[in-house]
């Protein structure tokens, strides 16, 4: 257990062991909340506005994809192999509703697994 002291201007230092365990680095954005009488910090991602032009938007999205963490890139690759990247919003909504009901909808044959 790490103990911290509230400094003037109400600043606290996150102990090195905690930073390493959570992978917190300089410049990361944290959201501070009170939950059940406890102070919690949650790491947040800040994303710039998506550019309006088609070419600029494509460059922006490619940059986001290139800079994504390895776990997210592997998740994207797995969903692409399974054909999930081609699902329509309606199909996604049906899957979510089915999971909430406790029944799962079979994916349409037009999206074969790759």
Protein backbone atom coordinates (compact mmCIF):
# COMPACT_ATOMS: atom_id res chain seq x y z
CA UNK A 1 0.00 0.00 0.00
CA UNK A 2 1.37 3.39 -0.98
CA UNK A 3 0.70 6.46 1.13
CA UNK A 4 0.69 9.91 -0.46
CA UNK A 5 0.61 13.40 1.03
CA UNK A 6 -1.56 16.23 -0.29
CA UNK A 7 0.79 19.14 -1.04
CA UNK A 8 0.02 22.83 -1.33
CA UNK A 9 -2.23 23.46 -4.34
CA UNK A 10 -3.77 20.05 -3.47
CA UNK A 11 -1.24 18.10 -5.55
CA UNK A 12 -0.35 14.45 -4.92
CA UNK A 13 2.43 12.31 -6.41
CA UNK A 14 1.41 8.90 -7.76
CA UNK A 15 3.98 6.47 -6.34
CA UNK A 16 6.38 4.90 -8.86
CA UNK A 17 5.20 1.35 -8.09
CA UNK A 18 1.59 2.32 -8.86
CA UNK A 19 2.60 4.20 -12.03
CA UNK A 20 4.53 1.18 -13.28
CA UNK A 21 1.73 -1.26 -12.45
CA UNK A 22 -0.84 0.86 -14.31
CA UNK A 23 1.46 2.01 -17.11
CA UNK A 24 0.91 5.70 -16.35
CA UNK A 25 3.33 8.00 -18.14
CA UNK A 26 4.01 11.74 -18.19
CA UNK A 27 1.30 13.52 -20.17
CA UNK A 28 -1.39 10.86 -19.62
CA UNK A 29 -4.87 12.21 -18.92
CA UNK A 30 -6.66 10.93 -15.81
CA UNK A 31 -10.29 11.44 -14.81
CA UNK A 32 -10.79 12.03 -11.08
CA UNK A 33 -14.05 10.83 -9.48
CA UNK A 34 -15.47 10.19 -6.05
CA UNK A 35 -16.94 6.67 -5.80
CA UNK A 36 -18.44 5.48 -2.52
CA UNK A 37 -16.42 8.04 -0.59
CA UNK A 38 -13.15 7.15 -2.32
CA UNK A 39 -11.10 9.14 -4.80
CA UNK A 40 -10.46 7.20 -8.01
CA UNK A 41 -8.46 8.06 -11.10
CA UNK A 42 -9.19 6.50 -14.50
CA UNK A 43 -6.88 6.88 -17.47
CA UNK A 44 -8.61 8.56 -20.42
CA UNK A 45 -7.74 8.96 -24.09
CA UNK A 46 -8.11 12.38 -25.65
CA UNK A 47 -8.85 12.38 -29.37
CA UNK A 48 -8.72 15.43 -31.58
CA UNK A 49 -11.67 16.30 -33.79
CA UNK A 50 -11.89 14.23 -36.93
CA UNK A 51 -11.01 16.40 -39.96
CA UNK A 52 -13.82 17.22 -42.40
CA UNK A 53 -12.06 16.50 -45.71
CA UNK A 54 -12.01 12.92 -47.02
CA UNK A 55 -8.22 12.76 -47.54
CA UNK A 56 -7.44 14.50 -44.24
CA UNK A 57 -9.88 12.17 -42.42
CA UNK A 58 -8.22 9.11 -43.99
CA UNK A 59 -4.75 10.33 -42.88
CA UNK A 60 -6.06 11.07 -39.38
CA UNK A 61 -7.68 7.63 -38.98
CA UNK A 62 -4.55 5.91 -40.33
CA UNK A 63 -2.43 7.79 -37.78
CA UNK A 64 -4.77 6.72 -34.96
CA UNK A 65 -4.56 3.13 -36.14
CA UNK A 66 -0.74 3.26 -36.35
CA UNK A 67 -0.46 4.72 -32.84
CA UNK A 68 -3.00 2.35 -31.24
CA UNK A 69 -1.71 0.07 -28.47
CA UNK A 70 -0.73 -3.48 -29.44
CA UNK A 71 -3.71 -5.05 -27.62
CA UNK A 72 -6.15 -2.91 -29.62
CA UNK A 73 -4.41 -3.68 -32.93
CA UNK A 74 -4.65 -7.42 -32.19
CA UNK A 75 -8.36 -7.00 -31.32
CA UNK A 76 -8.97 -5.23 -34.63
CA UNK A 77 -7.09 -7.97 -36.51
CA UNK A 78 -9.16 -10.70 -34.81
CA UNK A 79 -12.44 -8.93 -35.62
CA UNK A 80 -11.36 -8.49 -39.23
CA UNK A 81 -10.48 -12.20 -39.53
CA UNK A 82 -13.93 -13.06 -38.17
CA UNK A 83 -15.61 -10.66 -40.59
CA UNK A 84 -16.95 -8.49 -37.78
CA UNK A 85 -15.52 -5.33 -39.32
CA UNK A 86 -18.15 -5.57 -42.06
CA UNK A 87 -21.20 -5.65 -39.75
CA UNK A 88 -23.85 -2.99 -40.22
CA UNK A 89 -25.09 -0.87 -37.34
CA UNK A 90 -28.36 -2.80 -37.43
CA UNK A 91 -26.50 -6.13 -37.07
CA UNK A 92 -24.41 -4.77 -34.20
CA UNK A 93 -27.55 -3.52 -32.43
CA UNK A 94 -29.22 -6.93 -32.91
CA UNK A 95 -26.17 -8.70 -31.39
CA UNK A 96 -26.17 -6.36 -28.39
CA UNK A 97 -29.93 -6.83 -27.84
CA UNK A 98 -29.55 -10.62 -28.12
CA UNK A 99 -26.74 -10.71 -25.55
CA UNK A 100 -28.83 -8.59 -23.18
CA UNK A 101 -31.77 -11.00 -23.63
CA UNK A 102 -29.46 -13.96 -23.09
CA UNK A 103 -29.84 -15.30 -26.61
CA UNK A 104 -27.31 -14.81 -29.35
CA UNK A 105 -28.23 -14.08 -32.97
CA UNK A 106 -26.37 -16.09 -35.61
CA UNK A 107 -24.51 -13.89 -38.02
CA UNK A 108 -25.79 -13.76 -41.57
CA UNK A 109 -24.10 -16.02 -44.12
CA UNK A 110 -23.12 -13.00 -46.20
CA UNK A 111 -20.33 -12.29 -43.67
CA UNK A 112 -18.28 -15.49 -43.73
CA UNK A 113 -15.39 -15.84 -41.30
CA UNK A 114 -12.01 -15.27 -42.90
